[in-house]
Amino acid sequence: MHSLKVLILEDSPFQLMALHQMLNASGVFDVLTAESVEAACRSLERRGAVDVAICDLQMEGADGLDMIRHLASTGQAKALIILSSVERNVLDNVAQLARHLGLRVLAALQKPASPATLHRLLESYRQRDVQAERLPPLLEVHELVPLSELTEQELPQLKAQWQAYYQPKVAMDGQLLGVEALVRWHHPQRGVLSPASFLPLVSYAGLMEPLTWHMLDTALQFSAHTRDASGRHLSVSVNIPPAMLEHRTFAPQLVALLKQHRLPARVLTLEVVENRETTASEEQVEALLRLRMIGCRLSLDDYGVGDSNIQRLLELPFSEIKIPSQFVRGMAEDGRKAAVVAGALIMARRMSLDVVVEGIETASDYQALGTLGAPALQGYYVARPMPRAALEQWLANAQAHVWNAAEDCPA
């Protein structure tokens, strides 16, 4: 693990000294300090890029926003901590801007920073940095060629490399409600790849439908296996590209797959990712209605991120919404995020919709959520996505993870 290199941009000499001492106490000794944006840029030019930049916002002349734009355009900082005395909503909006510019924001903190908070952020960065070093690089554009030229005979070999990882969903009391199937690519040369590293290329190569059907089959097969082993149904969720709903054969094929695995449709939740279309096509509406009539559950993923969520909830037959991690992470310290989540829970309850809250990573966010209602939870605080064998072991720790009340399967 390499030692961290950190830049501090702070125009108060006292606070600059205090931050420097906090970094030293956390084992960081390679520290660049600057009291102006101009000085910070010169220091970076002279001494090279840093792991983390700690950036104040308000200062005479060029301000923190100028520094953030400079870091985004030059790539001279791998991560950013924003530290300022501006109002909380301004601080959060600056963090959002920095993320849109492509920067990794570790935190947006109001002054003064505590040594414990700064140490925790740096330790978290160290751990994730080590994990990132172990990850293979993203697939490159030239690898589209073999993907797009796959023959029907070669596709099964590729499907064998696409493996399902399962992330549990639980109630506030720990009761198991189901699992979401998430794809990982066990690449023969590059190792285990996350979706972000290959899904865009898979989509471009026209292979999203084979991938989706493979995930549906794999998840339902696991649900059937669990039923046979435990006598109870395991609910599974699978992401569905909206374009697949345009096909009139989608629902009949899904019914056939459910029959093949001898599963009732109610065990399957189809998660539809929000898109930027203001209205759904007639084909999509008809497909979603037919899926609900069959008995499948439908979930609107990434609720609140798209442009047309409210309208889509009114015009489409969803049974569930998923609140994404960006509204949840840090909710315990941010009243505005708590208000957004609380508003979504109230609306969902009045519309008879279930709610899944994603991205629960800390005890404080879990506890804050507990004061707002009783949604389903998903996130690292509950469990990370895991391969089938690991999930079976997780499920075997029976009393720790109580099954949702369900009818025993017929003999």
Protein backbone atom coordinates (compact mmCIF):
# COMPACT_ATOMS: atom_id res chain seq x y z
CA MET A 1 0.00 0.00 0.00
CA HIS A 2 1.61 3.29 -1.06
CA SER A 3 1.66 6.26 1.32
CA LEU A 4 -0.84 8.96 0.50
CA LYS A 5 0.01 12.30 -1.05
CA VAL A 6 -2.42 15.08 -0.13
CA LEU A 7 -2.96 18.70 -1.18
CA ILE A 8 -4.52 21.21 1.24
CA LEU A 9 -6.01 24.40 -0.23
CA GLU A 10 -6.92 26.65 2.70
CA ASP A 11 -6.49 30.43 3.00
CA SER A 12 -6.60 30.47 6.81
CA PRO A 13 -3.05 29.85 8.14
CA PHE A 14 -4.41 28.47 11.44
CA GLN A 15 -6.78 26.00 9.76
CA LEU A 16 -4.09 25.07 7.24
CA MET A 17 -1.74 24.19 10.11
CA ALA A 18 -4.49 22.25 11.93
CA LEU A 19 -5.29 20.18 8.83
CA HIS A 20 -1.60 19.51 8.28
CA GLN A 21 -1.29 18.19 11.84
CA MET A 22 -4.40 16.02 11.40
CA LEU A 23 -2.90 14.47 8.28
CA ASN A 24 0.38 13.75 10.07
CA ALA A 25 -1.56 12.11 12.92
CA SER A 26 -3.25 9.88 10.30
CA GLY A 27 0.11 8.79 8.92
CA VAL A 28 0.14 11.17 5.92
CA PHE A 29 3.44 13.04 5.65
CA ASP A 30 3.63 13.86 1.93
CA VAL A 31 1.52 17.03 2.13
CA LEU A 32 1.31 19.96 -0.29
CA THR A 33 -0.09 23.17 1.23
CA ALA A 34 -1.40 26.28 -0.51
CA GLU A 35 -3.25 29.41 0.60
CA SER A 36 -4.50 30.26 -2.92
CA VAL A 37 -5.61 28.49 -6.06
CA GLU A 38 -2.64 29.92 -7.94
CA ALA A 39 -0.21 28.55 -5.35
CA ALA A 40 -1.96 25.17 -5.39
CA CYS A 41 -1.67 24.92 -9.18
CA ARG A 42 2.03 25.81 -9.05
CA SER A 43 2.65 23.22 -6.36
CA LEU A 44 0.88 20.51 -8.36
CA GLU A 45 2.83 21.46 -11.46
CA ARG A 46 6.11 21.29 -9.56
CA ARG A 47 5.52 18.22 -7.36
CA GLY A 48 3.02 16.21 -9.37
CA ALA A 49 -0.48 14.86 -8.85
CA VAL A 50 -1.90 13.91 -5.47
CA ASP A 51 -4.14 11.16 -4.15
CA VAL A 52 -6.51 13.47 -2.29
CA ALA A 53 -7.12 17.23 -2.50
CA ILE A 54 -8.72 18.94 0.51
CA CYS A 55 -10.31 22.07 -0.93
CA ASP A 56 -11.75 25.16 0.75
CA LEU A 57 -14.32 27.12 -1.30
CA GLN A 58 -14.35 30.74 -0.19
CA MET A 59 -11.20 32.78 -0.74
CA GLU A 60 -10.14 36.00 -2.42
CA GLY A 61 -9.47 35.88 -6.15
CA ALA A 62 -9.86 32.44 -7.70
CA ASP A 63 -12.02 30.29 -5.43
CA GLY A 64 -12.60 26.63 -4.68
CA LEU A 65 -14.83 26.18 -7.72
CA ASP A 66 -11.94 27.25 -9.93
CA MET A 67 -9.73 24.71 -8.18
CA ILE A 68 -12.29 21.95 -8.67
CA ARG A 69 -12.54 22.71 -12.39
CA HIS A 70 -8.74 22.70 -12.64
CA LEU A 71 -8.50 19.31 -10.92
CA ALA A 72 -11.23 17.89 -13.15
CA SER A 73 -9.57 19.09 -16.34
CA THR A 74 -6.03 18.04 -15.42
CA GLY A 75 -6.64 14.86 -13.42
CA GLN A 76 -4.13 16.00 -10.81
CA ALA A 77 -6.14 14.57 -7.88
CA LYS A 78 -7.65 11.09 -7.64
CA ALA A 79 -10.16 12.16 -4.98
CA LEU A 80 -11.53 15.29 -3.38
CA ILE A 81 -12.64 16.39 0.08
CA ILE A 82 -14.56 19.68 0.06
CA LEU A 83 -14.22 21.61 3.32
CA SER A 84 -15.99 24.93 3.78
CA SER A 85 -18.19 27.03 6.05
CA VAL A 86 -20.82 27.64 3.34
CA GLU A 87 -24.39 26.51 3.91
CA ARG A 88 -25.09 22.80 3.75
CA ASN A 89 -27.17 22.96 0.56
CA VAL A 90 -24.45 24.97 -1.23
CA LEU A 91 -21.85 22.45 -0.07
CA ASP A 92 -23.88 19.52 -1.39
CA ASN A 93 -24.46 21.23 -4.72
CA VAL A 94 -20.74 21.88 -5.10
CA ALA A 95 -20.11 18.18 -4.43
CA GLN A 96 -22.70 17.29 -7.06
CA LEU A 97 -21.01 19.62 -9.56
CA ALA A 98 -17.62 18.04 -8.82
CA ARG A 99 -19.02 14.57 -9.45
CA HIS A 100 -20.58 15.71 -12.73
CA LEU A 101 -17.13 16.97 -13.72
CA GLY A 102 -15.79 13.48 -13.12
CA LEU A 103 -14.14 13.89 -9.72
CA ARG A 104 -14.41 11.30 -6.98
CA VAL A 105 -15.77 13.17 -3.95
CA LEU A 106 -14.98 11.49 -0.65
CA ALA A 107 -17.01 13.99 1.40
CA ALA A 108 -18.34 17.54 1.53
CA LEU A 109 -17.75 18.75 5.10
CA GLN A 110 -18.60 21.91 6.97
CA LYS A 111 -15.80 23.49 8.94
CA PRO A 112 -14.18 22.66 11.23
CA ALA A 113 -13.16 19.16 10.23
CA SER A 114 -12.70 16.71 13.08
CA PRO A 115 -9.56 14.55 13.22
CA ALA A 116 -11.72 11.41 13.53
CA THR A 117 -13.75 12.23 10.41
CA LEU A 118 -10.67 13.05 8.36
CA HIS A 119 -8.93 9.86 9.51
CA ARG A 120 -12.00 7.77 8.62
CA LEU A 121 -12.17 9.27 5.10
CA LEU A 122 -8.48 8.67 4.45
CA GLU A 123 -8.68 5.08 5.73
CA SER A 124 -11.69 4.45 3.51
CA TYR A 125 -9.78 5.88 0.54
CA ARG A 126 -6.77 3.68 1.32
CA GLN A 127 -8.90 0.53 1.46
CA ARG A 128 -10.75 1.28 -1.77
CA ASP A 129 -7.50 2.25 -3.46
CA VAL A 130 -6.02 -1.16 -2.62
CA GLN A 131 -9.14 -2.88 -3.95
CA ALA A 132 -9.01 -0.79 -7.13
CA GLU A 133 -5.40 -1.83 -7.74
CA ARG A 134 -6.56 -5.45 -7.79
CA LEU A 135 -9.30 -4.82 -10.35
CA PRO A 136 -8.63 -5.42 -14.04
CA PRO A 137 -8.88 -2.44 -16.39
CA LEU A 138 -12.05 -1.64 -18.28
CA LEU A 139 -12.71 -3.39 -21.54
CA GLU A 140 -11.52 -1.36 -24.48
CA VAL A 141 -13.30 -0.43 -27.68
CA HIS A 142 -11.18 -2.75 -29.85
CA GLU A 143 -12.65 -5.67 -27.89
CA LEU A 144 -16.01 -4.94 -29.52
CA VAL A 145 -14.90 -6.81 -32.60
CA PRO A 146 -14.79 -10.32 -31.12
CA LEU A 147 -18.00 -9.59 -29.21
CA SER A 148 -19.92 -8.42 -32.25
CA GLU A 149 -18.63 -11.34 -34.36
CA LEU A 150 -19.73 -14.08 -31.96
CA THR A 151 -21.49 -16.99 -33.59
CA GLU A 152 -24.45 -18.86 -32.14
CA GLN A 153 -22.08 -21.70 -31.29
CA GLU A 154 -19.74 -19.39 -29.33
CA LEU A 155 -22.48 -17.67 -27.30
CA PRO A 156 -22.87 -20.47 -24.69
CA GLN A 157 -19.17 -20.20 -23.87
CA LEU A 158 -19.61 -16.47 -23.25
CA LYS A 159 -22.72 -17.05 -21.13
CA ALA A 160 -20.71 -19.38 -18.92
CA GLN A 161 -18.45 -16.42 -18.14
CA TRP A 162 -21.44 -14.19 -17.22
CA GLN A 163 -22.16 -15.11 -13.62
CA ALA A 164 -24.85 -13.93 -11.23
CA TYR A 165 -23.90 -12.34 -7.93
CA TYR A 166 -26.72 -11.97 -5.43
CA GLN A 167 -27.32 -9.11 -3.00
CA PRO A 168 -29.89 -9.71 -0.23
CA LYS A 169 -32.80 -7.38 0.51
CA VAL A 170 -34.00 -7.32 4.12
CA ALA A 171 -36.62 -5.59 6.23
CA MET A 172 -35.64 -3.20 9.02
CA ASP A 173 -35.77 -6.10 11.50
CA GLY A 174 -33.41 -8.24 9.41
CA GLN A 175 -36.12 -10.36 7.83
CA LEU A 176 -35.00 -11.67 4.43
CA LEU A 177 -37.24 -10.40 1.63
CA GLY A 178 -35.36 -11.62 -1.43
CA VAL A 179 -32.20 -11.09 -3.48
CA GLU A 180 -31.21 -9.07 -6.53
CA ALA A 181 -29.21 -10.83 -9.25
CA LEU A 182 -26.32 -8.68 -10.49
CA VAL A 183 -24.08 -9.75 -13.36
CA ARG A 184 -20.30 -10.15 -13.15
CA TRP A 185 -18.11 -11.20 -16.04
CA HIS A 186 -15.50 -13.83 -15.14
CA HIS A 187 -13.23 -12.89 -18.02
CA PRO A 188 -10.60 -15.55 -18.88
CA GLN A 189 -7.80 -12.96 -19.18
CA ARG A 190 -8.98 -10.00 -17.09
CA GLY A 191 -10.55 -11.72 -14.10
CA VAL A 192 -13.85 -10.68 -12.50
CA LEU A 193 -15.27 -7.56 -14.18
CA SER A 194 -17.94 -5.29 -12.70
CA PRO A 195 -20.93 -4.22 -14.84
CA ALA A 196 -19.62 -0.68 -15.34
CA SER A 197 -16.57 -2.06 -17.11
CA PHE A 198 -18.41 -4.07 -19.75
CA LEU A 199 -22.16 -3.38 -20.01
CA PRO A 200 -21.79 -0.39 -22.38
CA LEU A 201 -19.76 -2.54 -24.78
CA VAL A 202 -22.09 -5.52 -24.43
CA SER A 203 -24.99 -3.22 -25.27
CA TYR A 204 -23.14 -1.74 -28.25
CA ALA A 205 -22.38 -5.24 -29.52
CA GLY A 206 -26.09 -6.09 -29.42
CA LEU A 207 -25.78 -8.69 -26.68
CA MET A 208 -27.95 -7.15 -23.93
CA GLU A 209 -30.88 -9.44 -24.71
CA PRO A 210 -28.86 -12.69 -24.52
CA LEU A 211 -27.27 -11.41 -21.30
CA THR A 212 -30.66 -10.51 -19.79
CA TRP A 213 -32.26 -13.85 -20.65
CA HIS A 214 -29.19 -15.60 -19.22
CA MET A 215 -29.58 -13.67 -15.94
CA LEU A 216 -33.31 -14.41 -15.79
CA ASP A 217 -32.71 -18.11 -16.32
CA THR A 218 -29.88 -18.22 -13.78
CA ALA A 219 -31.81 -16.32 -11.10
CA LEU A 220 -34.96 -18.41 -11.53
CA GLN A 221 -32.92 -21.60 -11.49
CA PHE A 222 -31.43 -20.55 -8.15
CA SER A 223 -34.87 -19.67 -6.78
CA ALA A 224 -36.13 -23.12 -7.78
CA HIS A 225 -33.09 -24.76 -6.18
CA THR A 226 -33.76 -22.87 -2.94
CA ARG A 227 -37.40 -23.93 -3.03
CA ASP A 228 -36.42 -27.57 -3.45
CA ALA A 229 -33.87 -27.35 -0.63
CA SER A 230 -35.85 -25.30 1.91
CA GLY A 231 -39.50 -25.69 0.97
CA ARG A 232 -39.88 -21.93 0.63
CA HIS A 233 -39.77 -19.61 -2.35
CA LEU A 234 -36.90 -17.15 -2.70
CA SER A 235 -37.91 -13.91 -4.39
CA VAL A 236 -35.43 -12.72 -7.02
CA SER A 237 -35.03 -9.40 -8.84
CA VAL A 238 -33.46 -8.97 -12.28
CA ASN A 239 -32.76 -5.79 -14.24
CA ILE A 240 -34.56 -5.47 -17.59
CA PRO A 241 -33.54 -3.04 -20.36
CA PRO A 242 -36.65 -1.00 -21.34
CA ALA A 243 -36.05 -1.82 -25.02
CA MET A 244 -36.79 -5.49 -24.38
CA LEU A 245 -40.33 -4.56 -23.35
CA GLU A 246 -40.97 -3.46 -26.92
CA HIS A 247 -40.94 -7.11 -28.04
CA ARG A 248 -44.37 -8.74 -28.02
CA THR A 249 -42.73 -12.12 -27.39
CA PHE A 250 -41.11 -11.03 -24.11
CA ALA A 251 -44.03 -11.86 -21.79
CA PRO A 252 -44.81 -15.27 -23.38
CA GLN A 253 -41.13 -16.24 -23.23
CA LEU A 254 -40.99 -15.22 -19.58
CA VAL A 255 -44.09 -17.30 -18.78
CA ALA A 256 -42.45 -20.30 -20.45
CA LEU A 257 -39.29 -19.79 -18.37
CA LEU A 258 -41.29 -19.62 -15.14
CA LYS A 259 -43.11 -22.83 -16.07
CA GLN A 260 -39.82 -24.51 -16.89
CA HIS A 261 -38.60 -23.84 -13.35
CA ARG A 262 -42.05 -24.53 -11.82
CA LEU A 263 -42.16 -21.12 -10.16
CA PRO A 264 -45.07 -18.73 -9.58
CA ALA A 265 -44.67 -15.35 -11.24
CA ARG A 266 -44.85 -13.59 -7.87
CA VAL A 267 -41.28 -14.67 -7.01
CA LEU A 268 -39.88 -12.50 -9.84
CA THR A 269 -39.40 -8.74 -9.70
CA LEU A 270 -38.35 -7.04 -12.93
CA GLU A 271 -36.38 -3.87 -12.28
CA VAL A 272 -36.82 -1.30 -15.05
CA VAL A 273 -34.13 1.38 -15.09
CA GLU A 274 -35.46 4.92 -15.42
CA ASN A 275 -34.71 6.53 -18.78
CA ARG A 276 -35.03 10.06 -20.12
CA GLU A 277 -38.12 9.41 -22.18
CA THR A 278 -40.98 11.61 -20.98
CA THR A 279 -43.63 9.07 -21.90
CA ALA A 280 -43.63 5.32 -22.35
CA SER A 281 -44.47 3.81 -25.70
CA GLU A 282 -47.74 1.93 -26.13
CA GLU A 283 -45.74 -1.27 -26.50
CA GLN A 284 -44.00 -0.70 -23.16
CA VAL A 285 -47.25 0.09 -21.38
CA GLU A 286 -48.89 -3.04 -22.80
CA ALA A 287 -45.90 -5.21 -21.89
CA LEU A 288 -45.78 -3.92 -18.31
CA LEU A 289 -49.52 -4.41 -17.90
CA ARG A 290 -49.27 -7.96 -19.20
CA LEU A 291 -46.39 -8.73 -16.83
CA ARG A 292 -48.43 -7.48 -13.87
CA MET A 293 -51.42 -9.51 -15.06
CA ILE A 294 -49.18 -12.58 -15.15
CA GLY A 295 -48.26 -11.89 -11.53
CA CYS A 296 -44.71 -10.50 -11.79
CA ARG A 297 -43.72 -7.53 -9.69
CA LEU A 298 -42.33 -4.40 -11.37
CA SER A 299 -39.82 -2.05 -9.81
CA LEU A 300 -38.85 1.46 -10.95
CA ASP A 301 -35.10 1.52 -10.40
CA ASP A 302 -33.13 4.69 -9.56
CA TYR A 303 -36.27 6.55 -8.51
CA GLY A 304 -35.69 10.30 -8.44
CA VAL A 305 -32.77 10.31 -10.90
CA GLY A 306 -34.63 10.52 -14.21
CA ASP A 307 -36.68 13.42 -15.52
CA SER A 308 -40.10 11.81 -15.55
CA ASN A 309 -40.43 9.64 -12.45
CA ILE A 310 -43.73 10.99 -11.14
CA GLN A 311 -45.37 10.79 -14.56
CA ARG A 312 -44.11 7.25 -15.09
CA LEU A 313 -45.44 6.17 -11.72
CA LEU A 314 -48.85 7.51 -12.68
CA GLU A 315 -48.97 5.96 -16.15
CA LEU A 316 -47.22 2.62 -15.57
CA PRO A 317 -48.20 -0.27 -13.27
CA PHE A 318 -45.17 -0.38 -10.98
CA SER A 319 -45.46 -2.18 -7.65
CA GLU A 320 -42.19 -0.91 -6.16
CA ILE A 321 -39.72 1.97 -6.32
CA LYS A 322 -36.01 1.84 -5.52
CA ILE A 323 -34.41 4.89 -3.93
CA PRO A 324 -30.77 5.07 -5.10
CA SER A 325 -27.72 5.46 -2.91
CA GLN A 326 -27.04 9.12 -3.76
CA PHE A 327 -30.14 10.10 -1.77
CA VAL A 328 -29.26 7.82 1.13
CA ARG A 329 -25.51 8.02 1.66
CA GLY A 330 -24.84 10.52 4.46
CA MET A 331 -28.54 10.90 5.22
CA ALA A 332 -27.90 10.80 8.97
CA GLU A 333 -25.97 14.09 8.74
CA ASP A 334 -27.99 15.71 5.95
CA GLY A 335 -31.54 16.74 6.75
CA ARG A 336 -32.30 17.49 3.10
CA LYS A 337 -31.55 13.92 2.04
CA ALA A 338 -33.65 12.63 4.94
CA ALA A 339 -36.51 14.87 3.76
CA VAL A 340 -36.25 13.49 0.20
CA VAL A 341 -36.33 9.89 1.42
CA ALA A 342 -39.17 10.60 3.85
CA GLY A 343 -41.18 12.27 1.07
CA ALA A 344 -40.67 9.29 -1.23
CA LEU A 345 -41.80 6.90 1.53
CA ILE A 346 -44.95 8.92 2.21
CA MET A 347 -45.80 9.10 -1.49
CA ALA A 348 -45.16 5.38 -1.97
CA ARG A 349 -47.35 4.47 0.99
CA ARG A 350 -50.24 6.53 -0.37
CA MET A 351 -49.80 4.93 -3.80
CA SER A 352 -49.63 1.41 -2.28
CA LEU A 353 -46.08 0.95 -3.56
CA ASP A 354 -43.31 -0.96 -1.81
CA VAL A 355 -39.96 0.80 -1.34
CA VAL A 356 -36.41 -0.57 -1.49
CA VAL A 357 -33.68 1.75 -0.24
CA GLU A 358 -30.30 1.04 -1.83
CA GLY A 359 -26.83 2.03 -0.70
CA ILE A 360 -27.17 1.50 3.06
CA GLU A 361 -23.50 1.41 4.02
CA THR A 362 -23.31 2.68 7.61
CA ALA A 363 -25.05 2.10 10.93
CA SER A 364 -25.89 5.80 11.16
CA ASP A 365 -27.77 5.79 7.83
CA TYR A 366 -29.56 2.59 8.82
CA GLN A 367 -30.64 4.17 12.11
CA ALA A 368 -31.72 7.39 10.39
CA LEU A 369 -33.82 5.39 7.96
CA GLY A 370 -35.48 3.58 10.84
CA THR A 371 -37.01 6.84 12.04
CA LEU A 372 -38.68 7.46 8.67
CA GLY A 373 -40.54 4.23 8.02
CA ALA A 374 -40.07 0.55 7.25
CA PRO A 375 -38.76 0.09 3.70
CA ALA A 376 -36.73 -2.84 2.43
CA LEU A 377 -32.97 -2.35 2.70
CA GLN A 378 -30.14 -3.20 0.35
CA GLY A 379 -26.48 -2.24 0.67
CA TYR A 380 -23.08 -3.14 2.06
CA TYR A 381 -24.33 -2.64 5.63
CA VAL A 382 -26.62 -5.63 5.01
CA ALA A 383 -24.44 -7.66 2.63
CA ARG A 384 -22.32 -7.21 -0.46
CA PRO A 385 -23.20 -8.90 -3.76
CA MET A 386 -21.88 -12.46 -3.60
CA PRO A 387 -21.69 -15.56 -5.81
CA ARG A 388 -24.19 -18.34 -5.35
CA ALA A 389 -22.07 -20.50 -3.03
CA ALA A 390 -21.39 -17.58 -0.71
CA LEU A 391 -25.07 -16.64 -0.66
CA GLU A 392 -26.06 -20.19 0.19
CA GLN A 393 -23.70 -20.01 3.16
CA TRP A 394 -25.14 -16.62 4.10
CA LEU A 395 -28.66 -18.06 3.96
CA ALA A 396 -27.56 -21.10 5.98
CA ASN A 397 -26.80 -18.83 8.94
CA ALA A 398 -30.50 -19.24 9.53
CA GLN A 399 -31.41 -17.35 12.68
CA ALA A 400 -29.37 -14.33 11.62
CA HIS A 401 -31.42 -13.90 8.46
CA VAL A 402 -35.10 -14.71 8.95
CA TRP A 403 -37.13 -15.75 5.93
CA ASN A 404 -40.00 -13.57 4.85
CA ALA A 405 -43.34 -15.12 5.75
CA ALA A 406 -44.29 -17.25 2.77
CA GLU A 407 -46.39 -20.25 2.00
CA ASP A 408 -44.65 -23.58 2.09
CA CYS A 409 -44.17 -24.94 -1.38
CA PRO A 410 -46.54 -27.73 -2.34
CA ALA A 411 -45.09 -31.21 -2.18
